Amino acid sequence: MLGPEGRIEFSQYDSDKAYDLMRHGDVDVSFVSASEILAAGIAGEIVPGPAIFFEATAVMVAGASPAQHLADLAGQPICFSQGANAHRNLEAWFAAHRLDFTRMGYQEDVELFDTYNAQVCRGEAGESTTLAAVRISGAGKSLHSRILPEPLAVLPIIAATPTEDAQWSAIVAWAIYTLQRADVPKAEWTAGGLDALQIKAPKLSLTDDWQKRVIGATGTYGEIFSRNLGDASPLKLPRGPNAPLGDGGLFATPYLE
């Protein structure tokens, strides 16, 4: 999207110190959750932008498991990382549905994976992207694991930008909306795709054809998802909440009414 002169450096937020980059305005775009922003105390240092991904927590079972839905695991042992989001979401889901399960919490991922692979527990709770990676590696692959369709919870990951550059924040937001809106087809009474979101913004130094160039460089959001997480990737995750609102997802982008 940045053209032939564009250069990108990635940094992972794997420690408290890593968030100093955001505190000092040294990162142009950060992909973070609200929990991470609040825990790091950086709400005043960033502009929260659009959601770029909805991470779901879910439960994975072996391919031979009779369980087709979460309720089918009532009374069964389910393993999870103690205190993680998936653990809390698991407790909340079963409590809301007045069901119970046998708790198998672990502090170490290796122990968690080994317990699941040995089928001591009948399901493993975690983030969908992590579960998708686990099921194509090691013993998880030999179990032909599958992720149950109902999410335990859905967490938006947003694109955050520094507070010092409003112009850049606007460009990032409109670019994300452009990628997402390009997925929405034309309907009888409404325009579709970029026809419904024509952003003319010379004050942002954007040329008239900037949206077409963005889509030409990256494809639509759906195509990006497919390459990295969906059917065209090893992870084979369904769009789920990352589809447009009209297709059962959660993305509701601005458009010309």
C-alpha atoms as a PDB file:
ATOM      1  CA  MET A   1       0.000   0.000   0.000  1.00  0.00           C
ATOM      2  CA  LEU A   2       2.937   2.352   0.648  1.00  0.00           C
ATOM      3  CA  GLY A   3       4.371   1.930  -2.831  1.00  0.00           C
ATOM      4  CA  PRO A   4       7.884   0.919  -3.952  1.00  0.00           C
ATOM      5  CA  GLU A   5       9.539   3.412  -1.559  1.00  0.00           C
ATOM      6  CA  GLY A   6       7.631   2.189   1.464  1.00  0.00           C
ATOM      7  CA  ARG A   7       9.533   0.498   4.269  1.00  0.00           C
ATOM      8  CA  ILE A   8       7.966  -1.336   7.202  1.00  0.00           C
ATOM      9  CA  GLU A   9       9.490  -2.532  10.461  1.00  0.00           C
ATOM     10  CA  PHE A  10       7.431  -4.757  12.764  1.00  0.00           C
ATOM     11  CA  SER A  11       7.700  -4.872  16.546  1.00  0.00           C
ATOM     12  CA  GLN A  12       5.956  -7.323  18.867  1.00  0.00           C
ATOM     13  CA  TYR A  13       4.429  -6.190  22.156  1.00  0.00           C
ATOM     14  CA  ASP A  14       5.901  -9.029  24.184  1.00  0.00           C
ATOM     15  CA  SER A  15       6.907  -7.047  27.280  1.00  0.00           C
ATOM     16  CA  ASP A  16       5.909  -3.952  29.235  1.00  0.00           C
ATOM     17  CA  LYS A  17       8.980  -2.157  27.866  1.00  0.00           C
ATOM     18  CA  ALA A  18       7.804  -2.734  24.286  1.00  0.00           C
ATOM     19  CA  TYR A  19       4.842  -0.418  24.898  1.00  0.00           C
ATOM     20  CA  ASP A  20       7.289   2.454  25.417  1.00  0.00           C
ATOM     21  CA  LEU A  21       7.457   2.698  21.623  1.00  0.00           C
ATOM     22  CA  MET A  22       3.782   3.652  21.624  1.00  0.00           C
ATOM     23  CA  ARG A  23       4.165   5.955  24.615  1.00  0.00           C
ATOM     24  CA  HIS A  24       6.858   7.927  22.811  1.00  0.00           C
ATOM     25  CA  GLY A  25       5.042   8.053  19.466  1.00  0.00           C
ATOM     26  CA  ASP A  26       7.672   5.892  17.758  1.00  0.00           C
ATOM     27  CA  VAL A  27       5.149   3.510  16.152  1.00  0.00           C
ATOM     28  CA  ASP A  28       3.018   4.647  13.217  1.00  0.00           C
ATOM     29  CA  VAL A  29       0.316   1.964  13.544  1.00  0.00           C
ATOM     30  CA  SER A  30      -0.325  -0.441  16.407  1.00  0.00           C
ATOM     31  CA  PHE A  31      -2.745  -3.362  16.354  1.00  0.00           C
ATOM     32  CA  VAL A  32      -3.921  -3.768  19.936  1.00  0.00           C
ATOM     33  CA  SER A  33      -6.932  -4.659  22.052  1.00  0.00           C
ATOM     34  CA  ALA A  34      -8.609  -2.390  24.590  1.00  0.00           C
ATOM     35  CA  SER A  35      -7.282  -4.613  27.390  1.00  0.00           C
ATOM     36  CA  GLU A  36      -3.714  -4.092  26.184  1.00  0.00           C
ATOM     37  CA  ILE A  37      -4.197  -0.328  25.897  1.00  0.00           C
ATOM     38  CA  LEU A  38      -5.637  -0.027  29.398  1.00  0.00           C
ATOM     39  CA  ALA A  39      -3.129  -2.403  30.999  1.00  0.00           C
ATOM     40  CA  ALA A  40      -0.225  -0.463  29.467  1.00  0.00           C
ATOM     41  CA  GLY A  41      -1.725   2.887  30.512  1.00  0.00           C
ATOM     42  CA  ILE A  42      -1.418   4.372  27.018  1.00  0.00           C
ATOM     43  CA  ALA A  43      -4.999   5.476  26.350  1.00  0.00           C
ATOM     44  CA  GLY A  44      -3.833   9.110  26.296  1.00  0.00           C
ATOM     45  CA  GLU A  45      -0.958   8.446  23.902  1.00  0.00           C
ATOM     46  CA  ILE A  46      -2.870   6.876  21.005  1.00  0.00           C
ATOM     47  CA  VAL A  47      -5.858   7.527  18.769  1.00  0.00           C
ATOM     48  CA  PRO A  48      -8.085   4.413  18.745  1.00  0.00           C
ATOM     49  CA  GLY A  49      -8.998   3.652  15.143  1.00  0.00           C
ATOM     50  CA  PRO A  50     -11.185   1.117  13.313  1.00  0.00           C
ATOM     51  CA  ALA A  51     -11.309  -2.565  14.162  1.00  0.00           C
ATOM     52  CA  ILE A  52      -9.051  -4.504  11.799  1.00  0.00           C
ATOM     53  CA  PHE A  53      -9.713  -7.989  13.162  1.00  0.00           C
ATOM     54  CA  PHE A  54     -12.094  -9.719  15.538  1.00  0.00           C
ATOM     55  CA  GLU A  55     -10.265 -12.389  17.512  1.00  0.00           C
ATOM     56  CA  ALA A  56     -12.563 -15.102  18.818  1.00  0.00           C
ATOM     57  CA  THR A  57     -11.940 -17.445  21.702  1.00  0.00           C
ATOM     58  CA  ALA A  58     -13.264 -20.926  21.026  1.00  0.00           C
ATOM     59  CA  VAL A  59     -12.877 -24.609  21.838  1.00  0.00           C
ATOM     60  CA  MET A  60     -11.084 -27.173  19.676  1.00  0.00           C
ATOM     61  CA  VAL A  61     -11.907 -30.891  19.693  1.00  0.00           C
ATOM     62  CA  ALA A  62     -10.484 -33.965  17.996  1.00  0.00           C
ATOM     63  CA  GLY A  63     -11.938 -34.846  14.612  1.00  0.00           C
ATOM     64  CA  ALA A  64     -13.386 -38.076  16.000  1.00  0.00           C
ATOM     65  CA  SER A  65     -15.115 -36.296  18.880  1.00  0.00           C
ATOM     66  CA  PRO A  66     -18.917 -36.612  18.897  1.00  0.00           C
ATOM     67  CA  ALA A  67     -19.142 -32.962  19.999  1.00  0.00           C
ATOM     68  CA  GLN A  68     -20.521 -30.682  17.291  1.00  0.00           C
ATOM     69  CA  HIS A  69     -21.378 -27.733  19.526  1.00  0.00           C
ATOM     70  CA  LEU A  70     -20.122 -26.296  22.795  1.00  0.00           C
ATOM     71  CA  ALA A  71     -23.127 -27.644  24.711  1.00  0.00           C
ATOM     72  CA  ASP A  72     -22.070 -31.168  23.743  1.00  0.00           C
ATOM     73  CA  LEU A  73     -19.039 -30.771  26.034  1.00  0.00           C
ATOM     74  CA  ALA A  74     -21.166 -30.294  29.154  1.00  0.00           C
ATOM     75  CA  GLY A  75     -19.685 -32.387  31.959  1.00  0.00           C
ATOM     76  CA  GLN A  76     -16.538 -33.143  29.910  1.00  0.00           C
ATOM     77  CA  PRO A  77     -12.937 -32.156  30.789  1.00  0.00           C
ATOM     78  CA  ILE A  78     -11.769 -29.034  28.937  1.00  0.00           C
ATOM     79  CA  CYS A  79      -8.208 -27.753  29.231  1.00  0.00           C
ATOM     80  CA  PHE A  80      -7.112 -24.124  29.137  1.00  0.00           C
ATOM     81  CA  SER A  81      -4.368 -21.721  30.184  1.00  0.00           C
ATOM     82  CA  GLN A  82      -5.130 -20.703  33.753  1.00  0.00           C
ATOM     83  CA  GLY A  83      -6.311 -17.091  33.987  1.00  0.00           C
ATOM     84  CA  ALA A  84      -6.169 -16.399  30.225  1.00  0.00           C
ATOM     85  CA  ASN A  85      -8.989 -14.686  28.329  1.00  0.00           C
ATOM     86  CA  ALA A  86     -10.146 -18.045  26.970  1.00  0.00           C
ATOM     87  CA  HIS A  87     -10.453 -19.385  30.519  1.00  0.00           C
ATOM     88  CA  ARG A  88     -12.638 -16.471  31.617  1.00  0.00           C
ATOM     89  CA  ASN A  89     -14.710 -16.672  28.431  1.00  0.00           C
ATOM     90  CA  LEU A  90     -15.156 -20.427  28.925  1.00  0.00           C
ATOM     91  CA  GLU A  91     -16.435 -19.957  32.467  1.00  0.00           C
ATOM     92  CA  ALA A  92     -18.776 -17.170  31.341  1.00  0.00           C
ATOM     93  CA  TRP A  93     -20.227 -19.148  28.433  1.00  0.00           C
ATOM     94  CA  PHE A  94     -21.010 -22.242  30.488  1.00  0.00           C
ATOM     95  CA  ALA A  95     -22.430 -20.153  33.353  1.00  0.00           C
ATOM     96  CA  ALA A  96     -24.671 -18.222  30.941  1.00  0.00           C
ATOM     97  CA  HIS A  97     -26.007 -21.490  29.520  1.00  0.00           C
ATOM     98  CA  ARG A  98     -26.378 -23.081  32.983  1.00  0.00           C
ATOM     99  CA  LEU A  99     -24.020 -25.877  32.100  1.00  0.00           C
ATOM    100  CA  ASP A 100     -20.844 -27.126  33.730  1.00  0.00           C
ATOM    101  CA  PHE A 101     -17.604 -28.803  32.669  1.00  0.00           C
ATOM    102  CA  THR A 102     -14.552 -30.393  34.288  1.00  0.00           C
ATOM    103  CA  ARG A 103     -11.791 -27.796  34.635  1.00  0.00           C
ATOM    104  CA  MET A 104      -8.227 -28.598  33.629  1.00  0.00           C
ATOM    105  CA  GLY A 105      -6.115 -25.453  33.941  1.00  0.00           C
ATOM    106  CA  TYR A 106      -2.406 -25.255  33.119  1.00  0.00           C
ATOM    107  CA  GLN A 107       0.328 -22.653  33.528  1.00  0.00           C
ATOM    108  CA  GLU A 108       2.563 -23.928  30.710  1.00  0.00           C
ATOM    109  CA  ASP A 109       1.540 -24.232  27.050  1.00  0.00           C
ATOM    110  CA  VAL A 110       3.543 -27.449  26.635  1.00  0.00           C
ATOM    111  CA  GLU A 111       1.548 -29.153  29.388  1.00  0.00           C
ATOM    112  CA  LEU A 112      -1.693 -27.844  27.920  1.00  0.00           C
ATOM    113  CA  PHE A 113      -0.929 -29.112  24.425  1.00  0.00           C
ATOM    114  CA  ASP A 114       0.334 -32.490  25.669  1.00  0.00           C
ATOM    115  CA  THR A 115      -2.825 -33.026  27.716  1.00  0.00           C
ATOM    116  CA  TYR A 116      -5.026 -32.242  24.753  1.00  0.00           C
ATOM    117  CA  ASN A 117      -2.972 -34.341  22.348  1.00  0.00           C
ATOM    118  CA  ALA A 118      -3.272 -37.310  24.719  1.00  0.00           C
ATOM    119  CA  GLN A 119      -7.028 -36.643  24.821  1.00  0.00           C
ATOM    120  CA  VAL A 120      -7.044 -36.502  28.612  1.00  0.00           C
ATOM    121  CA  CYS A 121      -9.240 -33.461  28.038  1.00  0.00           C
ATOM    122  CA  ARG A 122     -11.963 -33.554  25.414  1.00  0.00           C
ATOM    123  CA  GLY A 123     -11.494 -29.965  24.283  1.00  0.00           C
ATOM    124  CA  GLU A 124      -8.937 -27.149  24.370  1.00  0.00           C
ATOM    125  CA  ALA A 125      -9.980 -23.527  24.838  1.00  0.00           C
ATOM    126  CA  GLY A 126      -7.970 -20.700  23.324  1.00  0.00           C
ATOM    127  CA  GLU A 127      -7.883 -17.951  20.736  1.00  0.00           C
ATOM    128  CA  SER A 128      -9.069 -19.209  17.354  1.00  0.00           C
ATOM    129  CA  THR A 129      -5.865 -18.208  15.573  1.00  0.00           C
ATOM    130  CA  THR A 130      -3.764 -20.073  18.149  1.00  0.00           C
ATOM    131  CA  LEU A 131      -5.995 -23.137  17.996  1.00  0.00           C
ATOM    132  CA  ALA A 132      -5.831 -23.098  14.180  1.00  0.00           C
ATOM    133  CA  ALA A 133      -2.027 -23.086  14.348  1.00  0.00           C
ATOM    134  CA  VAL A 134      -1.981 -25.894  16.921  1.00  0.00           C
ATOM    135  CA  ARG A 135      -4.274 -28.137  14.882  1.00  0.00           C
ATOM    136  CA  ILE A 136      -1.911 -28.169  11.867  1.00  0.00           C
ATOM    137  CA  SER A 137       1.177 -29.058  13.869  1.00  0.00           C
ATOM    138  CA  GLY A 138       2.393 -32.073  15.816  1.00  0.00           C
ATOM    139  CA  ALA A 139      -0.083 -34.417  17.450  1.00  0.00           C
ATOM    140  CA  GLY A 140      -2.839 -31.856  16.957  1.00  0.00           C
ATOM    141  CA  LYS A 141      -2.552 -32.553  13.251  1.00  0.00           C
ATOM    142  CA  SER A 142      -2.803 -36.313  13.744  1.00  0.00           C
ATOM    143  CA  LEU A 143      -6.031 -35.794  15.701  1.00  0.00           C
ATOM    144  CA  HIS A 144      -7.570 -33.984  12.706  1.00  0.00           C
ATOM    145  CA  SER A 145      -8.751 -31.354  15.156  1.00  0.00           C
ATOM    146  CA  ARG A 146     -11.590 -28.960  14.405  1.00  0.00           C
ATOM    147  CA  ILE A 147     -12.773 -25.774  16.069  1.00  0.00           C
ATOM    148  CA  LEU A 148     -16.381 -25.764  17.252  1.00  0.00           C
ATOM    149  CA  PRO A 149     -18.498 -23.148  15.430  1.00  0.00           C
ATOM    150  CA  GLU A 150     -19.751 -21.103  18.387  1.00  0.00           C
ATOM    151  CA  PRO A 151     -17.245 -18.565  19.719  1.00  0.00           C
ATOM    152  CA  LEU A 152     -16.917 -18.186  23.467  1.00  0.00           C
ATOM    153  CA  ALA A 153     -16.366 -14.456  22.989  1.00  0.00           C
ATOM    154  CA  VAL A 154     -15.203 -12.014  20.314  1.00  0.00           C
ATOM    155  CA  LEU A 155     -12.518  -9.390  20.901  1.00  0.00           C
ATOM    156  CA  PRO A 156     -11.903  -6.460  18.521  1.00  0.00           C
ATOM    157  CA  ILE A 157      -8.311  -5.620  17.604  1.00  0.00           C
ATOM    158  CA  ILE A 158      -8.044  -1.964  16.602  1.00  0.00           C
ATOM    159  CA  ALA A 159      -5.602   0.092  14.568  1.00  0.00           C
ATOM    160  CA  ALA A 160      -4.160   2.738  16.880  1.00  0.00           C
ATOM    161  CA  THR A 161      -2.060   5.718  15.754  1.00  0.00           C
ATOM    162  CA  PRO A 162      -0.066   8.418  17.594  1.00  0.00           C
ATOM    163  CA  THR A 163      -1.995  11.427  18.904  1.00  0.00           C
ATOM    164  CA  GLU A 164       0.479  13.861  17.317  1.00  0.00           C
ATOM    165  CA  ASP A 165      -0.504  13.231  13.671  1.00  0.00           C
ATOM    166  CA  ALA A 166      -4.221  13.605  12.936  1.00  0.00           C
ATOM    167  CA  GLN A 167      -3.604  13.505   9.175  1.00  0.00           C
ATOM    168  CA  TRP A 168      -1.951  10.096   9.426  1.00  0.00           C
ATOM    169  CA  SER A 169      -4.722   8.793  11.691  1.00  0.00           C
ATOM    170  CA  ALA A 170      -7.314   9.796   9.089  1.00  0.00           C
ATOM    171  CA  ILE A 171      -5.377   8.105   6.267  1.00  0.00           C
ATOM    172  CA  VAL A 172      -5.069   4.857   8.239  1.00  0.00           C
ATOM    173  CA  ALA A 173      -8.773   4.849   9.104  1.00  0.00           C
ATOM    174  CA  TRP A 174      -9.950   5.562   5.547  1.00  0.00           C
ATOM    175  CA  ALA A 175      -7.563   2.931   4.142  1.00  0.00           C
ATOM    176  CA  ILE A 176      -8.966   0.259   6.475  1.00  0.00           C
ATOM    177  CA  TYR A 177     -12.546   1.235   5.667  1.00  0.00           C
ATOM    178  CA  THR A 178     -11.670   1.104   1.964  1.00  0.00           C
ATOM    179  CA  LEU A 179     -10.383  -2.471   2.242  1.00  0.00           C
ATOM    180  CA  GLN A 180     -13.471  -3.569   4.159  1.00  0.00           C
ATOM    181  CA  ARG A 181     -16.034  -1.710   2.023  1.00  0.00           C
ATOM    182  CA  ALA A 182     -14.603  -3.182  -1.171  1.00  0.00           C
ATOM    183  CA  ASP A 183     -16.020  -6.552  -0.055  1.00  0.00           C
ATOM    184  CA  VAL A 184     -19.637  -5.332   0.005  1.00  0.00           C
ATOM    185  CA  PRO A 185     -21.426  -5.986  -3.314  1.00  0.00           C
ATOM    186  CA  LYS A 186     -23.867  -3.621  -4.973  1.00  0.00           C
ATOM    187  CA  ALA A 187     -27.516  -4.210  -4.033  1.00  0.00           C
ATOM    188  CA  GLU A 188     -30.749  -3.149  -5.699  1.00  0.00           C
ATOM    189  CA  TRP A 189     -31.104  -0.011  -3.611  1.00  0.00           C
ATOM    190  CA  THR A 190     -27.542   0.650  -2.475  1.00  0.00           C
ATOM    191  CA  ALA A 191     -24.164   1.177  -4.110  1.00  0.00           C
ATOM    192  CA  GLY A 192     -21.491  -1.430  -3.525  1.00  0.00           C
ATOM    193  CA  GLY A 193     -17.759  -1.506  -3.008  1.00  0.00           C
ATOM    194  CA  LEU A 194     -15.800   1.671  -3.544  1.00  0.00           C
ATOM    195  CA  ASP A 195     -18.760   3.331  -5.277  1.00  0.00           C
ATOM    196  CA  ALA A 196     -20.320   3.587  -1.818  1.00  0.00           C
ATOM    197  CA  LEU A 197     -17.196   5.048  -0.205  1.00  0.00           C
ATOM    198  CA  GLN A 198     -15.458   7.454  -2.565  1.00  0.00           C
ATOM    199  CA  ILE A 199     -12.972   9.350  -0.435  1.00  0.00           C
ATOM    200  CA  LYS A 200     -11.724  12.546  -2.074  1.00  0.00           C
ATOM    201  CA  ALA A 201      -9.262  14.093   0.353  1.00  0.00           C
ATOM    202  CA  PRO A 202      -6.529  16.216  -1.261  1.00  0.00           C
ATOM    203  CA  LYS A 203      -5.798  17.802   2.138  1.00  0.00           C
ATOM    204  CA  LEU A 204      -4.589  14.379   3.226  1.00  0.00           C
ATOM    205  CA  SER A 205      -2.269  14.304   0.165  1.00  0.00           C
ATOM    206  CA  LEU A 206      -4.366  11.499  -1.349  1.00  0.00           C
ATOM    207  CA  THR A 207      -4.764  11.405  -5.116  1.00  0.00           C
ATOM    208  CA  ASP A 208      -8.185  10.798  -6.680  1.00  0.00           C
ATOM    209  CA  ASP A 209      -7.314   7.196  -7.529  1.00  0.00           C
ATOM    210  CA  TRP A 210      -5.734   6.284  -4.189  1.00  0.00           C
ATOM    211  CA  GLN A 211      -8.433   3.784  -3.221  1.00  0.00           C
ATOM    212  CA  LYS A 212      -8.170   1.881  -6.482  1.00  0.00           C
ATOM    213  CA  ARG A 213      -4.404   1.739  -6.064  1.00  0.00           C
ATOM    214  CA  VAL A 214      -4.797   0.359  -2.538  1.00  0.00           C
ATOM    215  CA  ILE A 215      -7.139  -2.414  -3.687  1.00  0.00           C
ATOM    216  CA  GLY A 216      -4.873  -3.112  -6.665  1.00  0.00           C
ATOM    217  CA  ALA A 217      -1.896  -3.562  -4.345  1.00  0.00           C
ATOM    218  CA  THR A 218      -3.503  -5.675  -1.623  1.00  0.00           C
ATOM    219  CA  GLY A 219      -6.914  -6.893  -2.759  1.00  0.00           C
ATOM    220  CA  THR A 220      -9.994  -6.457  -0.600  1.00  0.00           C
ATOM    221  CA  TYR A 221     -10.117  -7.237   3.109  1.00  0.00           C
ATOM    222  CA  GLY A 222     -11.716 -10.584   2.260  1.00  0.00           C
ATOM    223  CA  GLU A 223      -8.859 -11.455  -0.093  1.00  0.00           C
ATOM    224  CA  ILE A 224      -6.285 -10.457   2.511  1.00  0.00           C
ATOM    225  CA  PHE A 225      -8.090 -12.603   5.094  1.00  0.00           C
ATOM    226  CA  SER A 226      -8.235 -15.567   2.731  1.00  0.00           C
ATOM    227  CA  ARG A 227      -4.485 -15.413   1.984  1.00  0.00           C
ATOM    228  CA  ASN A 228      -3.391 -15.114   5.592  1.00  0.00           C
ATOM    229  CA  LEU A 229      -6.031 -16.866   7.691  1.00  0.00           C
ATOM    230  CA  GLY A 230      -8.766 -18.302   5.482  1.00  0.00           C
ATOM    231  CA  ASP A 231      -9.249 -20.885   2.754  1.00  0.00           C
ATOM    232  CA  ALA A 232      -6.073 -19.982   0.848  1.00  0.00           C
ATOM    233  CA  SER A 233      -3.935 -20.292   4.004  1.00  0.00           C
ATOM    234  CA  PRO A 234      -2.898 -23.337   6.055  1.00  0.00           C
ATOM    235  CA  LEU A 235      -5.058 -22.134   8.986  1.00  0.00           C
ATOM    236  CA  LYS A 236      -8.378 -22.470   7.088  1.00  0.00           C
ATOM    237  CA  LEU A 237     -10.313 -20.206   9.464  1.00  0.00           C
ATOM    238  CA  PRO A 238     -13.832 -19.149   8.414  1.00  0.00           C
ATOM    239  CA  ARG A 239     -14.535 -15.414   8.086  1.00  0.00           C
ATOM    240  CA  GLY A 240     -16.964 -15.586  11.012  1.00  0.00           C
ATOM    241  CA  PRO A 241     -17.048 -12.203  12.773  1.00  0.00           C
ATOM    242  CA  ASN A 242     -14.562 -10.815  10.234  1.00  0.00           C
ATOM    243  CA  ALA A 243     -17.182 -10.724   7.482  1.00  0.00           C
ATOM    244  CA  PRO A 244     -19.352  -7.710   6.604  1.00  0.00           C
ATOM    245  CA  LEU A 245     -22.388  -7.152   8.795  1.00  0.00           C
ATOM    246  CA  GLY A 246     -24.784  -8.289   6.064  1.00  0.00           C
ATOM    247  CA  ASP A 247     -22.951 -11.627   5.800  1.00  0.00           C
ATOM    248  CA  GLY A 248     -23.145 -12.415   9.495  1.00  0.00           C
ATOM    249  CA  GLY A 249     -19.941 -10.641  10.491  1.00  0.00           C
ATOM    250  CA  LEU A 250     -19.288  -7.579  12.641  1.00  0.00           C
ATOM    251  CA  PHE A 251     -17.714  -5.142  10.173  1.00  0.00           C
ATOM    252  CA  ALA A 252     -20.047  -2.195   9.618  1.00  0.00           C
ATOM    253  CA  THR A 253     -18.138   0.337   7.525  1.00  0.00           C
ATOM    254  CA  PRO A 254     -19.146   3.914   6.673  1.00  0.00           C
ATOM    255  CA  TYR A 255     -20.794   4.323   3.273  1.00  0.00           C
ATOM    256  CA  LEU A 256     -22.671   6.797   1.109  1.00  0.00           C
ATOM    257  CA  GLU A 257     -26.366   6.431   1.987  1.00  0.00           C
END
